[in-house]
C-alpha atoms as a PDB file:
ATOM      1  CA  MET A   1       0.000   0.000   0.000  1.00  0.00           C
ATOM      2  CA  VAL A   2       1.385   3.410  -0.994  1.00  0.00           C
ATOM      3  CA  PRO A   3       1.022   6.075   1.744  1.00  0.00           C
ATOM      4  CA  LYS A   4      -1.040   9.082   0.784  1.00  0.00           C
ATOM      5  CA  LYS A   5       0.734  12.408   0.633  1.00  0.00           C
ATOM      6  CA  LYS A   6      -0.324  14.848   3.273  1.00  0.00           C
ATOM      7  CA  VAL A   7      -2.175  17.744   1.771  1.00  0.00           C
ATOM      8  CA  MET A   8      -1.422  21.038   3.466  1.00  0.00           C
ATOM      9  CA  GLU A   9      -4.467  23.035   4.343  1.00  0.00           C
ATOM     10  CA  ASN A  10      -4.724  26.343   2.606  1.00  0.00           C
ATOM     11  CA  GLU A  11      -3.911  28.883   5.303  1.00  0.00           C
ATOM     12  CA  LYS A  12      -5.114  32.435   5.150  1.00  0.00           C
ATOM     13  CA  TYR A  13      -2.256  34.887   4.825  1.00  0.00           C
ATOM     14  CA  MET A  14      -2.373  38.624   4.742  1.00  0.00           C
ATOM     15  CA  TYR A  15      -0.338  39.902   1.831  1.00  0.00           C
ATOM     16  CA  LEU A  16       1.354  43.183   2.633  1.00  0.00           C
ATOM     17  CA  PRO A  17       2.887  45.689   0.237  1.00  0.00           C
ATOM     18  CA  THR A  18       6.657  45.294   0.058  1.00  0.00           C
ATOM     19  CA  LEU A  19       9.357  47.882  -0.491  1.00  0.00           C
ATOM     20  CA  THR A  20      13.133  47.851  -0.473  1.00  0.00           C
ATOM     21  CA  GLU A  21      15.280  49.376   2.227  1.00  0.00           C
ATOM     22  CA  ASP A  22      16.351  52.088  -0.224  1.00  0.00           C
ATOM     23  CA  GLU A  23      12.731  52.955  -1.075  1.00  0.00           C
ATOM     24  CA  PHE A  24      11.974  53.172   2.645  1.00  0.00           C
ATOM     25  CA  VAL A  25      14.917  55.495   3.386  1.00  0.00           C
ATOM     26  CA  GLU A  26      14.152  57.716   0.381  1.00  0.00           C
ATOM     27  CA  ASN A  27      10.435  58.074   1.185  1.00  0.00           C
ATOM     28  CA  ILE A  28       9.820  57.689   4.931  1.00  0.00           C
ATOM     29  CA  GLU A  29       9.553  61.433   5.531  1.00  0.00           C
ATOM     30  CA  SER A  30       7.004  62.067   2.791  1.00  0.00           C
ATOM     31  CA  GLU A  31       3.553  63.069   4.007  1.00  0.00           C
ATOM     32  CA  ASN A  32       1.842  60.374   1.959  1.00  0.00           C
ATOM     33  CA  PHE A  33       4.223  57.507   2.784  1.00  0.00           C
ATOM     34  CA  PHE A  34       1.591  55.108   4.122  1.00  0.00           C
ATOM     35  CA  ARG A  35      -0.925  56.011   1.428  1.00  0.00           C
ATOM     36  CA  ARG A  36       1.703  55.300  -1.218  1.00  0.00           C
ATOM     37  CA  PHE A  37       3.363  52.196   0.251  1.00  0.00           C
ATOM     38  CA  GLY A  38       0.666  50.722   2.486  1.00  0.00           C
ATOM     39  CA  ASN A  39      -0.023  50.560   6.195  1.00  0.00           C
ATOM     40  CA  PRO A  40       1.416  48.225   7.343  1.00  0.00           C
ATOM     41  CA  ALA A  41       4.098  47.371   4.809  1.00  0.00           C
ATOM     42  CA  ILE A  42       7.108  45.060   4.668  1.00  0.00           C
ATOM     43  CA  ILE A  43      10.632  46.390   4.210  1.00  0.00           C
ATOM     44  CA  ARG A  44      13.148  43.993   2.638  1.00  0.00           C
ATOM     45  CA  THR A  45      16.566  44.899   4.002  1.00  0.00           C
ATOM     46  CA  LYS A  46      19.835  44.657   2.129  1.00  0.00           C
ATOM     47  CA  ALA A  47      20.810  41.896   4.566  1.00  0.00           C
ATOM     48  CA  GLY A  48      17.857  39.824   3.339  1.00  0.00           C
ATOM     49  CA  GLU A  49      15.673  40.306   6.403  1.00  0.00           C
ATOM     50  CA  SER A  50      12.116  41.584   6.537  1.00  0.00           C
ATOM     51  CA  CYS A  51      10.726  44.259   8.851  1.00  0.00           C
ATOM     52  CA  ILE A  52       7.177  45.487   9.201  1.00  0.00           C
ATOM     53  CA  VAL A  53       6.524  49.218   9.356  1.00  0.00           C
ATOM     54  CA  LEU A  54       3.215  50.739  10.440  1.00  0.00           C
ATOM     55  CA  SER A  55       1.947  54.144  11.428  1.00  0.00           C
ATOM     56  CA  ALA A  56       1.762  55.193  15.072  1.00  0.00           C
ATOM     57  CA  GLU A  57      -2.004  55.619  14.627  1.00  0.00           C
ATOM     58  CA  LEU A  58      -2.442  52.015  13.480  1.00  0.00           C
ATOM     59  CA  TYR A  59      -0.171  50.755  16.268  1.00  0.00           C
ATOM     60  CA  ASN A  60      -2.171  52.689  18.876  1.00  0.00           C
ATOM     61  CA  ARG A  61      -5.475  51.237  17.638  1.00  0.00           C
ATOM     62  CA  MET A  62      -4.069  47.714  17.698  1.00  0.00           C
ATOM     63  CA  ALA A  63      -2.437  48.235  21.102  1.00  0.00           C
ATOM     64  CA  GLU A  64      -5.709  49.470  22.581  1.00  0.00           C
ATOM     65  CA  LEU A  65      -7.581  46.418  21.279  1.00  0.00           C
ATOM     66  CA  CYS A  66      -4.929  44.050  22.645  1.00  0.00           C
ATOM     67  CA  GLY A  67      -4.291  45.815  25.958  1.00  0.00           C
ATOM     68  CA  PHE A  68      -0.733  46.911  25.164  1.00  0.00           C
ATOM     69  CA  PRO A  69       0.734  50.339  25.938  1.00  0.00           C
ATOM     70  CA  GLY A  70       0.344  52.980  23.238  1.00  0.00           C
ATOM     71  CA  THR A  71       3.166  54.979  21.726  1.00  0.00           C
ATOM     72  CA  GLU A  72       2.752  57.850  24.185  1.00  0.00           C
ATOM     73  CA  GLU A  73       3.110  55.547  27.194  1.00  0.00           C
ATOM     74  CA  MET A  74       6.009  53.679  25.602  1.00  0.00           C
ATOM     75  CA  THR A  75       7.981  56.846  24.885  1.00  0.00           C
ATOM     76  CA  ARG A  76       7.228  58.214  28.355  1.00  0.00           C
ATOM     77  CA  ASN A  77       8.589  55.025  29.965  1.00  0.00           C
ATOM     78  CA  GLU A  78      11.574  54.739  27.639  1.00  0.00           C
ATOM     79  CA  PRO A  79      14.885  55.054  29.482  1.00  0.00           C
ATOM     80  CA  ARG A  80      16.744  58.246  28.562  1.00  0.00           C
ATOM     81  CA  THR A  81      20.514  58.397  28.435  1.00  0.00           C
END
């Protein structure tokens, strides 16, 4: 009897817009950055890693829903040197 191959279930993934590290550096200070590149978006670094960038507003909404500190509380509690 030949064993049946396991069929992977189709998982739901969220596809995020992707930009290079250079595109990120060149455009991060533009007023329409998130409108142009997405919110959140993935940055592919020159080292081959991936980072997710999102606006402070989106982070604060998500943090509130999940019970995490918002950006204001995080920066207030951040150690200063």
